[in-house]
Amino acid sequence: MRTNLTRYQEDLERLIKLSDQMYLDFALAASGKKAKKGETNPGEVFFSSYQQWYSEALEVIRQILPNRLEEFQLLYQGIDKRKNINAQTYSIKDWLLGIRSPVDILSGRKHFEDVGIVFMQFQMQREIFKSARLRFESSLLEIRQIVRADLFDSEVESARELLKNGFLRAAGAVAGVVAEKHLSEVCQNHNLSIGKKNPTIATYNDALKKEGVIDVPQWRPIQRLGDLRNLCDHNKEREPTKDEVTELIDGVEKLTKTLL
């Protein structure tokens, strides 16, 4: 006999399977692959399925992981009252509405990699949703730490996928966010109060060094990660190199495993 619990588990698995199909479809679109004659164009499955998936997944998050609801919604909707659309404010909703990055008239290059950003945002939503399944299956999990660790791993993998597909700035931006979130949690674990309104990697790094949580040899490589992240996010004078972004991703992965 199928119980309500069984039905709920089946719904979770169905939504996860759909998200996997959408992810693979959008990955093809992000890579620039074109459809062969008679095939569905890459990106169409994502475009046609996302709203249904999001509506159902949102209710699951609301019930099982309410503390992740705002983050899940933000990845779709973006921030309120934005002054302009850029790499920091672009959202999945923008993509679905057909809004794309402006193109520089002289160079012909996009101002930001809209496809790469949406690819990363949806991957983050998928991992949040998958963490809801873990929470549902076992009330014994220390969900905050385990889900965050799993999410960090998935975000690092997303950064590597973006790097593999040539989205250097987007890959660096994702890795930088992971580093910032992890350092924020380390500060919380050590009861360090950060007074700055918009703290950065450097802010957290300096606070940890000041309080003796880390020493100078540990501080220096984290500072380097912050510099590389800024190169990817803010420096418009030159593009980051593949080696620099690889160094950033590798460094962030090591940071999340070694500094607790």
C-alpha atoms as a PDB file:
ATOM      1  CA  MET A   1       0.000   0.000   0.000  1.00  0.00           C
ATOM      2  CA  ARG A   2       1.340   3.409  -1.010  1.00  0.00           C
ATOM      3  CA  THR A   3       1.418   5.803   1.928  1.00  0.00           C
ATOM      4  CA  ASN A   4       1.570   9.592   1.914  1.00  0.00           C
ATOM      5  CA  LEU A   5       5.240   9.246   2.847  1.00  0.00           C
ATOM      6  CA  THR A   6       5.853   7.079  -0.216  1.00  0.00           C
ATOM      7  CA  ARG A   7       4.067   9.539  -2.475  1.00  0.00           C
ATOM      8  CA  TYR A   8       6.136  12.380  -1.107  1.00  0.00           C
ATOM      9  CA  GLN A   9       9.349  10.461  -1.713  1.00  0.00           C
ATOM     10  CA  GLU A  10       8.238   9.680  -5.261  1.00  0.00           C
ATOM     11  CA  ASP A  11       7.505  13.357  -5.905  1.00  0.00           C
ATOM     12  CA  LEU A  12      10.959  14.288  -4.626  1.00  0.00           C
ATOM     13  CA  GLU A  13      12.610  11.736  -6.909  1.00  0.00           C
ATOM     14  CA  ARG A  14      10.534  12.881  -9.896  1.00  0.00           C
ATOM     15  CA  LEU A  15      11.550  16.519  -9.369  1.00  0.00           C
ATOM     16  CA  ILE A  16      15.202  15.578  -8.931  1.00  0.00           C
ATOM     17  CA  LYS A  17      15.108  13.527 -12.137  1.00  0.00           C
ATOM     18  CA  LEU A  18      13.525  16.445 -13.988  1.00  0.00           C
ATOM     19  CA  SER A  19      16.168  18.831 -12.652  1.00  0.00           C
ATOM     20  CA  ASP A  20      18.899  16.450 -13.876  1.00  0.00           C
ATOM     21  CA  GLN A  21      17.386  16.482 -17.381  1.00  0.00           C
ATOM     22  CA  MET A  22      17.140  20.276 -17.325  1.00  0.00           C
ATOM     23  CA  TYR A  23      20.720  20.574 -16.082  1.00  0.00           C
ATOM     24  CA  LEU A  24      22.145  18.384 -18.857  1.00  0.00           C
ATOM     25  CA  ASP A  25      20.088  20.244 -21.446  1.00  0.00           C
ATOM     26  CA  PHE A  26      21.283  23.640 -20.249  1.00  0.00           C
ATOM     27  CA  ALA A  27      24.882  22.430 -20.007  1.00  0.00           C
ATOM     28  CA  LEU A  28      24.707  21.690 -23.740  1.00  0.00           C
ATOM     29  CA  ALA A  29      23.312  25.171 -24.357  1.00  0.00           C
ATOM     30  CA  ALA A  30      26.086  26.721 -22.239  1.00  0.00           C
ATOM     31  CA  SER A  31      28.727  24.843 -24.235  1.00  0.00           C
ATOM     32  CA  GLY A  32      27.370  26.292 -27.479  1.00  0.00           C
ATOM     33  CA  LYS A  33      26.456  22.920 -28.981  1.00  0.00           C
ATOM     34  CA  LYS A  34      23.928  23.091 -31.830  1.00  0.00           C
ATOM     35  CA  ALA A  35      21.137  20.605 -32.407  1.00  0.00           C
ATOM     36  CA  LYS A  36      21.298  18.172 -35.300  1.00  0.00           C
ATOM     37  CA  LYS A  37      18.422  17.967 -37.739  1.00  0.00           C
ATOM     38  CA  GLY A  38      15.332  16.614 -35.988  1.00  0.00           C
ATOM     39  CA  GLU A  39      16.744  17.136 -32.471  1.00  0.00           C
ATOM     40  CA  THR A  40      15.507  19.511 -29.799  1.00  0.00           C
ATOM     41  CA  ASN A  41      17.645  22.617 -29.551  1.00  0.00           C
ATOM     42  CA  PRO A  42      19.834  22.691 -26.401  1.00  0.00           C
ATOM     43  CA  GLY A  43      18.138  24.823 -23.767  1.00  0.00           C
ATOM     44  CA  GLU A  44      14.555  24.131 -24.820  1.00  0.00           C
ATOM     45  CA  VAL A  45      13.964  21.474 -22.162  1.00  0.00           C
ATOM     46  CA  PHE A  46      15.165  23.890 -19.484  1.00  0.00           C
ATOM     47  CA  PHE A  47      13.080  26.733 -20.880  1.00  0.00           C
ATOM     48  CA  SER A  48       9.863  24.718 -21.133  1.00  0.00           C
ATOM     49  CA  SER A  49      10.204  22.849 -17.818  1.00  0.00           C
ATOM     50  CA  TYR A  50      11.713  25.346 -15.397  1.00  0.00           C
ATOM     51  CA  GLN A  51       8.573  27.146 -14.190  1.00  0.00           C
ATOM     52  CA  GLN A  52       6.779  23.897 -13.365  1.00  0.00           C
ATOM     53  CA  TRP A  53       9.861  22.543 -11.590  1.00  0.00           C
ATOM     54  CA  TYR A  54      10.460  25.769  -9.665  1.00  0.00           C
ATOM     55  CA  SER A  55       6.860  26.036  -8.428  1.00  0.00           C
ATOM     56  CA  GLU A  56       6.853  22.493  -7.062  1.00  0.00           C
ATOM     57  CA  ALA A  57      10.403  22.626  -5.718  1.00  0.00           C
ATOM     58  CA  LEU A  58       9.658  25.923  -3.959  1.00  0.00           C
ATOM     59  CA  GLU A  59       6.908  24.297  -1.902  1.00  0.00           C
ATOM     60  CA  VAL A  60       9.206  21.432  -0.948  1.00  0.00           C
ATOM     61  CA  ILE A  61      11.852  23.877   0.272  1.00  0.00           C
ATOM     62  CA  ARG A  62       9.202  25.891   2.116  1.00  0.00           C
ATOM     63  CA  GLN A  63       8.130  22.827   4.103  1.00  0.00           C
ATOM     64  CA  ILE A  64      11.417  20.955   4.613  1.00  0.00           C
ATOM     65  CA  LEU A  65      14.173  23.586   4.509  1.00  0.00           C
ATOM     66  CA  PRO A  66      12.483  26.921   5.297  1.00  0.00           C
ATOM     67  CA  ASN A  67      15.839  28.465   6.236  1.00  0.00           C
ATOM     68  CA  ARG A  68      16.956  28.014   2.601  1.00  0.00           C
ATOM     69  CA  LEU A  69      13.751  29.381   1.056  1.00  0.00           C
ATOM     70  CA  GLU A  70      14.942  32.975   0.630  1.00  0.00           C
ATOM     71  CA  GLU A  71      18.200  31.841  -0.977  1.00  0.00           C
ATOM     72  CA  PHE A  72      16.315  29.507  -3.324  1.00  0.00           C
ATOM     73  CA  GLN A  73      13.936  32.295  -4.390  1.00  0.00           C
ATOM     74  CA  LEU A  74      16.738  34.838  -4.796  1.00  0.00           C
ATOM     75  CA  LEU A  75      18.516  32.625  -7.316  1.00  0.00           C
ATOM     76  CA  TYR A  76      15.398  32.798  -9.493  1.00  0.00           C
ATOM     77  CA  GLN A  77      14.155  36.329  -8.883  1.00  0.00           C
ATOM     78  CA  GLY A  78      17.392  38.240  -8.315  1.00  0.00           C
ATOM     79  CA  ILE A  79      17.663  41.239  -6.017  1.00  0.00           C
ATOM     80  CA  ASP A  80      14.933  43.872  -5.650  1.00  0.00           C
ATOM     81  CA  LYS A  81      15.334  47.473  -6.723  1.00  0.00           C
ATOM     82  CA  ARG A  82      18.456  46.931  -8.812  1.00  0.00           C
ATOM     83  CA  LYS A  83      19.779  49.961 -10.647  1.00  0.00           C
ATOM     84  CA  ASN A  84      21.072  48.007 -13.639  1.00  0.00           C
ATOM     85  CA  ILE A  85      21.543  44.494 -14.932  1.00  0.00           C
ATOM     86  CA  ASN A  86      25.059  43.120 -14.595  1.00  0.00           C
ATOM     87  CA  ALA A  87      26.858  39.927 -13.601  1.00  0.00           C
ATOM     88  CA  GLN A  88      25.920  40.463  -9.950  1.00  0.00           C
ATOM     89  CA  THR A  89      22.193  41.202 -10.501  1.00  0.00           C
ATOM     90  CA  TYR A  90      21.357  38.931 -13.454  1.00  0.00           C
ATOM     91  CA  SER A  91      18.922  36.112 -12.611  1.00  0.00           C
ATOM     92  CA  ILE A  92      17.232  33.007 -13.977  1.00  0.00           C
ATOM     93  CA  LYS A  93      14.052  35.045 -14.342  1.00  0.00           C
ATOM     94  CA  ASP A  94      15.876  37.473 -16.644  1.00  0.00           C
ATOM     95  CA  TRP A  95      16.971  34.585 -18.845  1.00  0.00           C
ATOM     96  CA  LEU A  96      13.466  33.158 -19.101  1.00  0.00           C
ATOM     97  CA  LEU A  97      12.121  36.609 -20.024  1.00  0.00           C
ATOM     98  CA  GLY A  98      14.600  36.778 -22.896  1.00  0.00           C
ATOM     99  CA  ILE A  99      16.841  39.428 -21.348  1.00  0.00           C
ATOM    100  CA  ARG A 100      20.459  38.949 -22.404  1.00  0.00           C
ATOM    101  CA  SER A 101      23.752  40.665 -21.686  1.00  0.00           C
ATOM    102  CA  PRO A 102      24.481  43.814 -23.683  1.00  0.00           C
ATOM    103  CA  VAL A 103      27.243  43.483 -26.265  1.00  0.00           C
ATOM    104  CA  ASP A 104      30.163  45.895 -26.534  1.00  0.00           C
ATOM    105  CA  ILE A 105      29.884  47.743 -29.844  1.00  0.00           C
ATOM    106  CA  LEU A 106      33.621  47.860 -30.471  1.00  0.00           C
ATOM    107  CA  SER A 107      34.730  44.400 -29.377  1.00  0.00           C
ATOM    108  CA  GLY A 108      31.505  42.507 -30.027  1.00  0.00           C
ATOM    109  CA  ARG A 109      31.882  40.796 -26.641  1.00  0.00           C
ATOM    110  CA  LYS A 110      29.161  40.397 -24.037  1.00  0.00           C
ATOM    111  CA  HIS A 111      29.428  42.566 -20.927  1.00  0.00           C
ATOM    112  CA  PHE A 112      28.891  39.413 -18.852  1.00  0.00           C
ATOM    113  CA  GLU A 113      28.340  35.707 -19.468  1.00  0.00           C
ATOM    114  CA  ASP A 114      24.566  35.435 -19.046  1.00  0.00           C
ATOM    115  CA  VAL A 115      24.453  31.730 -19.948  1.00  0.00           C
ATOM    116  CA  GLY A 116      27.187  30.840 -17.471  1.00  0.00           C
ATOM    117  CA  ILE A 117      25.524  32.783 -14.666  1.00  0.00           C
ATOM    118  CA  VAL A 118      22.151  31.073 -15.157  1.00  0.00           C
ATOM    119  CA  PHE A 119      23.862  27.691 -15.409  1.00  0.00           C
ATOM    120  CA  MET A 120      25.538  28.298 -12.045  1.00  0.00           C
ATOM    121  CA  GLN A 121      22.386  29.632 -10.387  1.00  0.00           C
ATOM    122  CA  PHE A 122      20.295  26.640 -11.457  1.00  0.00           C
ATOM    123  CA  GLN A 123      22.994  24.240 -10.290  1.00  0.00           C
ATOM    124  CA  MET A 124      22.893  25.885  -6.866  1.00  0.00           C
ATOM    125  CA  GLN A 125      19.097  25.548  -6.787  1.00  0.00           C
ATOM    126  CA  ARG A 126      19.373  21.850  -7.688  1.00  0.00           C
ATOM    127  CA  GLU A 127      21.766  21.179  -4.861  1.00  0.00           C
ATOM    128  CA  ILE A 128      19.585  23.016  -2.345  1.00  0.00           C
ATOM    129  CA  PHE A 129      16.658  20.909  -3.490  1.00  0.00           C
ATOM    130  CA  LYS A 130      18.653  17.688  -3.266  1.00  0.00           C
ATOM    131  CA  SER A 131      19.641  18.614   0.258  1.00  0.00           C
ATOM    132  CA  ALA A 132      15.926  18.762   1.075  1.00  0.00           C
ATOM    133  CA  ARG A 133      15.704  15.086   0.160  1.00  0.00           C
ATOM    134  CA  LEU A 134      18.496  14.305   2.618  1.00  0.00           C
ATOM    135  CA  ARG A 135      16.718  16.270   5.323  1.00  0.00           C
ATOM    136  CA  PHE A 136      13.486  14.482   4.593  1.00  0.00           C
ATOM    137  CA  GLU A 137      15.065  11.032   4.748  1.00  0.00           C
ATOM    138  CA  SER A 138      16.816  11.472   8.091  1.00  0.00           C
ATOM    139  CA  SER A 139      15.965  13.749  10.999  1.00  0.00           C
ATOM    140  CA  LEU A 140      19.210  12.606  12.620  1.00  0.00           C
ATOM    141  CA  LEU A 141      21.378  14.655  10.260  1.00  0.00           C
ATOM    142  CA  GLU A 142      23.061  17.771  11.519  1.00  0.00           C
ATOM    143  CA  ILE A 143      21.535  19.435   8.503  1.00  0.00           C
ATOM    144  CA  ARG A 144      23.147  22.859   8.687  1.00  0.00           C
ATOM    145  CA  GLN A 145      26.737  21.665   8.538  1.00  0.00           C
ATOM    146  CA  ILE A 146      26.242  18.676   6.234  1.00  0.00           C
ATOM    147  CA  VAL A 147      24.081  20.438   3.662  1.00  0.00           C
ATOM    148  CA  ARG A 148      26.391  23.429   3.578  1.00  0.00           C
ATOM    149  CA  ALA A 149      29.408  21.184   3.040  1.00  0.00           C
ATOM    150  CA  ASP A 150      27.618  19.326   0.246  1.00  0.00           C
ATOM    151  CA  LEU A 151      26.542  22.612  -1.298  1.00  0.00           C
ATOM    152  CA  PHE A 152      30.079  23.971  -1.182  1.00  0.00           C
ATOM    153  CA  ASP A 153      31.333  20.832  -2.947  1.00  0.00           C
ATOM    154  CA  SER A 154      28.683  21.176  -5.634  1.00  0.00           C
ATOM    155  CA  GLU A 155      29.408  24.877  -6.095  1.00  0.00           C
ATOM    156  CA  VAL A 156      33.109  24.154  -6.544  1.00  0.00           C
ATOM    157  CA  GLU A 157      32.181  21.551  -9.156  1.00  0.00           C
ATOM    158  CA  SER A 158      29.940  24.131 -10.841  1.00  0.00           C
ATOM    159  CA  ALA A 159      32.903  26.509 -10.976  1.00  0.00           C
ATOM    160  CA  ARG A 160      35.023  23.784 -12.584  1.00  0.00           C
ATOM    161  CA  GLU A 161      32.266  23.131 -15.141  1.00  0.00           C
ATOM    162  CA  LEU A 162      32.091  26.835 -16.009  1.00  0.00           C
ATOM    163  CA  LEU A 163      35.889  26.950 -16.309  1.00  0.00           C
ATOM    164  CA  LYS A 164      35.821  23.886 -18.572  1.00  0.00           C
ATOM    165  CA  ASN A 165      33.328  25.654 -20.850  1.00  0.00           C
ATOM    166  CA  GLY A 166      35.409  28.830 -20.985  1.00  0.00           C
ATOM    167  CA  PHE A 167      33.373  31.051 -18.640  1.00  0.00           C
ATOM    168  CA  LEU A 168      36.397  32.276 -16.680  1.00  0.00           C
ATOM    169  CA  ARG A 169      34.878  35.238 -14.860  1.00  0.00           C
ATOM    170  CA  ALA A 170      31.721  33.309 -13.949  1.00  0.00           C
ATOM    171  CA  ALA A 171      33.808  30.383 -12.668  1.00  0.00           C
ATOM    172  CA  GLY A 172      35.913  32.717 -10.544  1.00  0.00           C
ATOM    173  CA  ALA A 173      32.827  34.477  -9.226  1.00  0.00           C
ATOM    174  CA  VAL A 174      31.274  31.184  -8.095  1.00  0.00           C
ATOM    175  CA  ALA A 175      34.485  30.096  -6.366  1.00  0.00           C
ATOM    176  CA  GLY A 176      34.756  33.498  -4.687  1.00  0.00           C
ATOM    177  CA  VAL A 177      31.241  33.211  -3.269  1.00  0.00           C
ATOM    178  CA  VAL A 178      32.089  29.777  -1.830  1.00  0.00           C
ATOM    179  CA  ALA A 179      35.204  31.182  -0.143  1.00  0.00           C
ATOM    180  CA  GLU A 180      33.268  34.112   1.283  1.00  0.00           C
ATOM    181  CA  LYS A 181      30.466  31.918   2.662  1.00  0.00           C
ATOM    182  CA  HIS A 182      32.909  29.447   4.169  1.00  0.00           C
ATOM    183  CA  LEU A 183      34.975  32.144   5.877  1.00  0.00           C
ATOM    184  CA  SER A 184      31.761  33.659   7.223  1.00  0.00           C
ATOM    185  CA  GLU A 185      30.858  30.316   8.820  1.00  0.00           C
ATOM    186  CA  VAL A 186      34.360  29.901  10.238  1.00  0.00           C
ATOM    187  CA  CYS A 187      34.007  33.300  11.901  1.00  0.00           C
ATOM    188  CA  GLN A 188      30.618  32.264  13.317  1.00  0.00           C
ATOM    189  CA  ASN A 189      32.109  29.004  14.595  1.00  0.00           C
ATOM    190  CA  HIS A 190      34.710  31.009  16.495  1.00  0.00           C
ATOM    191  CA  ASN A 191      32.175  33.601  17.710  1.00  0.00           C
ATOM    192  CA  LEU A 192      33.816  36.437  15.818  1.00  0.00           C
ATOM    193  CA  SER A 193      31.631  39.488  15.244  1.00  0.00           C
ATOM    194  CA  ILE A 194      32.056  41.166  11.851  1.00  0.00           C
ATOM    195  CA  GLY A 195      30.838  44.741  12.052  1.00  0.00           C
ATOM    196  CA  LYS A 196      31.228  45.585   8.384  1.00  0.00           C
ATOM    197  CA  LYS A 197      27.948  45.741   6.448  1.00  0.00           C
ATOM    198  CA  ASN A 198      29.244  44.010   3.311  1.00  0.00           C
ATOM    199  CA  PRO A 199      32.225  41.920   4.431  1.00  0.00           C
ATOM    200  CA  THR A 200      34.605  40.476   1.852  1.00  0.00           C
ATOM    201  CA  ILE A 201      37.104  37.630   1.825  1.00  0.00           C
ATOM    202  CA  ALA A 202      39.723  40.089   3.066  1.00  0.00           C
ATOM    203  CA  THR A 203      37.426  41.247   5.892  1.00  0.00           C
ATOM    204  CA  TYR A 204      36.918  37.722   7.232  1.00  0.00           C
ATOM    205  CA  ASN A 205      40.565  36.808   6.652  1.00  0.00           C
ATOM    206  CA  ASP A 206      41.838  39.808   8.604  1.00  0.00           C
ATOM    207  CA  ALA A 207      39.401  39.139  11.451  1.00  0.00           C
ATOM    208  CA  LEU A 208      40.534  35.524  11.751  1.00  0.00           C
ATOM    209  CA  LYS A 209      44.193  36.576  11.816  1.00  0.00           C
ATOM    210  CA  LYS A 210      43.570  39.347  14.342  1.00  0.00           C
ATOM    211  CA  GLU A 211      41.875  36.921  16.749  1.00  0.00           C
ATOM    212  CA  GLY A 212      44.593  34.300  16.349  1.00  0.00           C
ATOM    213  CA  VAL A 213      42.435  31.694  14.596  1.00  0.00           C
ATOM    214  CA  ILE A 214      44.925  31.649  11.730  1.00  0.00           C
ATOM    215  CA  ASP A 215      48.547  32.779  11.492  1.00  0.00           C
ATOM    216  CA  VAL A 216      50.319  34.795   8.792  1.00  0.00           C
ATOM    217  CA  PRO A 217      51.342  31.767   6.656  1.00  0.00           C
ATOM    218  CA  GLN A 218      47.648  30.741   6.575  1.00  0.00           C
ATOM    219  CA  TRP A 219      46.491  34.328   5.995  1.00  0.00           C
ATOM    220  CA  ARG A 220      48.622  34.939   2.893  1.00  0.00           C
ATOM    221  CA  PRO A 221      47.102  32.287   0.564  1.00  0.00           C
ATOM    222  CA  ILE A 222      43.586  33.337   1.591  1.00  0.00           C
ATOM    223  CA  GLN A 223      44.489  36.919   0.748  1.00  0.00           C
ATOM    224  CA  ARG A 224      45.637  35.659  -2.647  1.00  0.00           C
ATOM    225  CA  LEU A 225      42.236  34.021  -3.158  1.00  0.00           C
ATOM    226  CA  GLY A 226      40.592  37.357  -2.418  1.00  0.00           C
ATOM    227  CA  ASP A 227      42.790  39.111  -4.980  1.00  0.00           C
ATOM    228  CA  LEU A 228      41.951  36.515  -7.639  1.00  0.00           C
ATOM    229  CA  ARG A 229      38.255  36.761  -6.825  1.00  0.00           C
ATOM    230  CA  ASN A 230      38.414  40.555  -7.255  1.00  0.00           C
ATOM    231  CA  LEU A 231      40.154  40.095 -10.599  1.00  0.00           C
ATOM    232  CA  CYS A 232      37.270  37.923 -11.783  1.00  0.00           C
ATOM    233  CA  ASP A 233      34.513  40.139 -10.346  1.00  0.00           C
ATOM    234  CA  HIS A 234      35.717  43.705 -10.648  1.00  0.00           C
ATOM    235  CA  ASN A 235      38.913  44.231 -12.665  1.00  0.00           C
ATOM    236  CA  LYS A 236      37.948  45.359 -16.162  1.00  0.00           C
ATOM    237  CA  GLU A 237      41.491  46.214 -17.268  1.00  0.00           C
ATOM    238  CA  ARG A 238      42.267  42.628 -18.193  1.00  0.00           C
ATOM    239  CA  GLU A 239      40.671  39.205 -18.277  1.00  0.00           C
ATOM    240  CA  PRO A 240      41.664  36.555 -15.722  1.00  0.00           C
ATOM    241  CA  THR A 241      43.710  33.713 -17.172  1.00  0.00           C
ATOM    242  CA  LYS A 242      42.678  30.081 -17.066  1.00  0.00           C
ATOM    243  CA  ASP A 243      45.596  29.345 -14.728  1.00  0.00           C
ATOM    244  CA  GLU A 244      44.505  32.086 -12.317  1.00  0.00           C
ATOM    245  CA  VAL A 245      40.929  30.835 -12.188  1.00  0.00           C
ATOM    246  CA  THR A 246      42.165  27.246 -11.728  1.00  0.00           C
ATOM    247  CA  GLU A 247      44.361  28.442  -8.851  1.00  0.00           C
ATOM    248  CA  LEU A 248      41.348  30.189  -7.300  1.00  0.00           C
ATOM    249  CA  ILE A 249      39.078  27.133  -7.540  1.00  0.00           C
ATOM    250  CA  ASP A 250      41.752  24.749  -6.213  1.00  0.00           C
ATOM    251  CA  GLY A 251      42.528  27.128  -3.366  1.00  0.00           C
ATOM    252  CA  VAL A 252      38.880  27.517  -2.393  1.00  0.00           C
ATOM    253  CA  GLU A 253      38.363  23.758  -2.389  1.00  0.00           C
ATOM    254  CA  LYS A 254      41.372  23.322  -0.094  1.00  0.00           C
ATOM    255  CA  LEU A 255      40.150  26.143   2.145  1.00  0.00           C
ATOM    256  CA  THR A 256      36.737  24.529   2.700  1.00  0.00           C
ATOM    257  CA  LYS A 257      38.380  21.230   3.668  1.00  0.00           C
ATOM    258  CA  THR A 258      41.127  22.511   5.958  1.00  0.00           C
ATOM    259  CA  LEU A 259      39.887  25.634   7.763  1.00  0.00           C
ATOM    260  CA  LEU A 260      36.987  24.884  10.110  1.00  0.00           C
END
